[in-house]
Protein backbone atom coordinates (compact mmCIF):
# COMPACT_ATOMS: atom_id res chain seq x y z
CA MET A 1 113.53 72.94 76.78
CA LYS A 2 116.07 75.16 78.49
CA VAL A 3 115.26 78.88 78.51
CA ILE A 4 116.88 81.99 79.95
CA LEU A 5 114.54 84.29 81.85
CA ARG A 6 114.43 87.88 80.58
CA GLN A 7 112.21 88.99 83.48
CA THR A 8 111.68 87.87 87.02
CA HIS A 9 108.86 85.33 87.01
CA GLU A 10 107.41 84.40 90.40
CA ASN A 11 107.09 80.67 89.65
CA LEU A 12 110.32 80.18 87.70
CA GLY A 13 113.07 82.48 88.98
CA THR A 14 114.81 85.81 88.47
CA ILE A 15 116.26 87.49 85.41
CA GLY A 16 119.18 85.59 83.87
CA ASP A 17 118.28 82.21 85.41
CA ILE A 18 118.43 79.20 83.12
CA VAL A 19 115.39 77.02 83.76
CA ASP A 20 114.10 73.83 82.22
CA VAL A 21 110.42 74.02 81.20
CA LYS A 22 108.13 72.00 78.96
CA ASP A 23 108.47 72.75 75.25
CA GLY A 24 104.87 73.93 74.82
CA TYR A 25 105.06 76.30 77.80
CA ALA A 26 108.23 77.85 76.39
CA ARG A 27 107.01 78.12 72.77
CA ASN A 28 103.44 79.22 73.50
CA PHE A 29 103.80 81.38 76.60
CA LEU A 30 107.29 82.40 77.71
CA ILE A 31 108.97 83.21 74.39
CA PRO A 32 106.02 85.06 72.69
CA ARG A 33 105.55 87.25 75.79
CA SER A 34 109.29 88.06 75.91
CA ILE A 35 109.61 86.51 79.34
CA ALA A 36 112.37 84.13 78.18
CA TYR A 37 114.85 83.32 75.39
CA ARG A 38 115.89 79.91 74.17
CA ALA A 39 119.12 78.99 75.96
CA THR A 40 121.75 79.50 73.26
CA PRO A 41 125.31 80.85 73.57
CA GLY A 42 124.26 84.11 71.87
CA ALA A 43 121.31 84.53 74.20
CA LEU A 44 123.60 84.04 77.20
CA ARG A 45 125.71 87.00 76.07
CA ALA A 46 122.63 89.13 75.35
CA ILE A 47 121.06 88.44 78.72
CA GLU A 48 124.15 89.71 80.56
CA SER A 49 123.64 93.24 79.24
CA GLU A 50 119.90 93.05 80.00
CA LYS A 51 120.70 91.84 83.51
CA LYS A 52 122.98 94.85 84.15
CA LEU A 53 120.27 97.25 82.94
CA TYR A 54 117.69 95.49 85.09
CA GLN A 55 119.88 95.68 88.19
CA ALA A 56 120.52 99.41 87.65
CA GLN A 57 116.80 100.04 87.18
CA GLN A 58 115.96 98.04 90.33
CA ALA A 59 118.54 99.98 92.36
CA ARG A 60 117.00 103.27 91.18
CA LEU A 61 113.46 102.07 91.99
CA GLU A 62 114.56 100.89 95.42
CA ALA A 63 116.15 104.28 96.18
CA GLU A 64 112.97 106.07 95.10
CA SER A 65 110.91 103.68 97.23
CA ARG A 66 113.09 104.38 100.26
CA THR A 67 112.54 108.14 99.98
CA GLN A 68 108.79 107.59 99.54
CA ALA A 69 108.82 105.28 102.59
CA GLU A 70 110.50 107.99 104.70
CA ARG A 71 107.75 110.44 103.69
CA LEU A 72 104.99 107.92 104.44
CA GLU A 73 106.43 107.04 107.86
CA SER A 74 105.76 110.62 109.01
CA VAL A 75 102.17 110.63 107.68
CA SER A 76 99.09 109.59 109.59
CA ILE A 77 95.58 109.47 108.21
CA THR A 78 92.22 109.65 109.92
CA ILE A 79 89.22 107.82 108.53
CA PRO A 80 85.83 108.71 110.02
CA MET A 81 83.34 105.82 110.06
CA ARG A 82 79.83 105.26 111.39
CA VAL A 83 79.87 103.17 114.55
CA GLY A 84 77.39 100.75 116.11
CA GLU A 85 77.44 98.94 119.43
CA GLU A 86 80.75 98.11 121.14
CA ASP A 87 82.65 100.48 118.80
CA ARG A 88 82.01 98.12 115.88
CA LEU A 89 81.97 99.82 112.48
CA PHE A 90 79.13 99.78 109.98
CA GLY A 91 81.15 98.33 107.14
CA SER A 92 84.93 98.23 107.31
CA VAL A 93 88.01 100.22 106.38
CA THR A 94 89.61 98.73 103.27
CA SER A 95 92.89 99.29 101.47
CA LEU A 96 91.00 101.27 98.81
CA MET A 97 89.77 103.75 101.43
CA ILE A 98 93.29 104.13 102.81
CA ALA A 99 94.71 104.68 99.31
CA ASP A 100 92.03 107.31 98.57
CA GLU A 101 92.80 109.19 101.78
CA LEU A 102 96.53 109.10 101.01
CA GLY A 103 95.75 110.45 97.52
CA ARG A 104 93.83 113.36 99.05
CA GLN A 105 96.93 114.18 101.11
CA GLY A 106 99.13 114.08 98.01
CA HIS A 107 100.75 110.66 98.43
CA GLU A 108 100.00 108.42 95.46
CA VAL A 109 99.98 104.78 96.57
CA ASP A 110 98.42 101.87 94.68
CA ARG A 111 95.85 100.07 96.84
CA ARG A 112 97.51 96.72 96.05
CA MET A 113 100.64 97.89 97.87
CA ILE A 114 98.70 98.30 101.12
CA GLN A 115 99.15 95.07 103.07
CA LEU A 116 95.99 94.79 105.19
CA GLN A 117 95.64 91.24 106.49
CA GLU A 118 91.91 91.81 106.84
CA PRO A 119 89.66 94.87 106.68
CA ILE A 120 89.55 97.04 109.82
CA ARG A 121 86.25 96.65 111.67
CA HIS A 122 86.83 98.50 114.98
CA LEU A 123 87.73 102.01 116.10
CA GLY A 124 91.33 102.63 117.04
CA MET A 125 94.84 103.25 115.78
CA TYR A 126 96.40 100.76 113.38
CA ASP A 127 99.86 100.36 111.90
CA VAL A 128 99.34 99.44 108.26
CA PRO A 129 102.32 98.15 106.23
CA ILE A 130 102.73 99.44 102.68
CA LYS A 131 105.04 97.39 100.45
CA LEU A 132 106.62 99.90 98.07
CA HIS A 133 109.32 97.58 96.67
CA THR A 134 110.44 94.03 97.29
CA ASN A 135 112.94 95.30 99.89
CA VAL A 136 111.09 98.43 101.10
CA THR A 137 108.07 98.46 103.40
CA ALA A 138 106.70 101.60 105.07
CA THR A 139 104.39 101.63 108.10
CA LEU A 140 101.46 104.04 108.01
CA LYS A 141 99.47 105.10 111.06
CA VAL A 142 95.72 104.89 110.42
CA PHE A 143 93.27 106.31 112.93
CA VAL A 144 89.69 105.06 112.62
CA VAL A 145 87.39 107.48 114.45
CA ASN A 146 83.68 107.87 115.06
CA LYS A 147 81.88 109.88 112.40
CA GLU A 148 79.72 111.98 114.72
CA GLY A 149 76.61 113.97 113.92
CA GLU A 150 75.74 112.32 110.62
CA GLY A 151 72.32 110.73 110.25
CA GLU A 152 71.13 111.75 113.72
């Protein structure tokens, strides 16, 4: 069955694309969830107006993300951690900890936007990418320091 995507779907395509999917997938998943229309001449006309609205909304979101990225580029956070031998941390610094520290400084960032390849396990300074939009990525400086004087 041919359907027209109403939303960008990571496995199928972007808004307005005409894709060929199995009948059951279209009837039971895509159409009931308003992800796609049946490909008819009327739907083709309707999707054009939705596509224009979507593009305007994406342009606005990208502009907002760029201003947020500029603010985040000038921010650095410090996370104190307990340290063992060879400057190895007890535990690790995760994206949730980074998001919490950013929240304390007044920058609301979802932890899923923080692109840590793996948790930080050593002291030092790290550049952590934050993906704010598909086209906008900010780099945050994270300092992991020794939490001195606690538990001694």
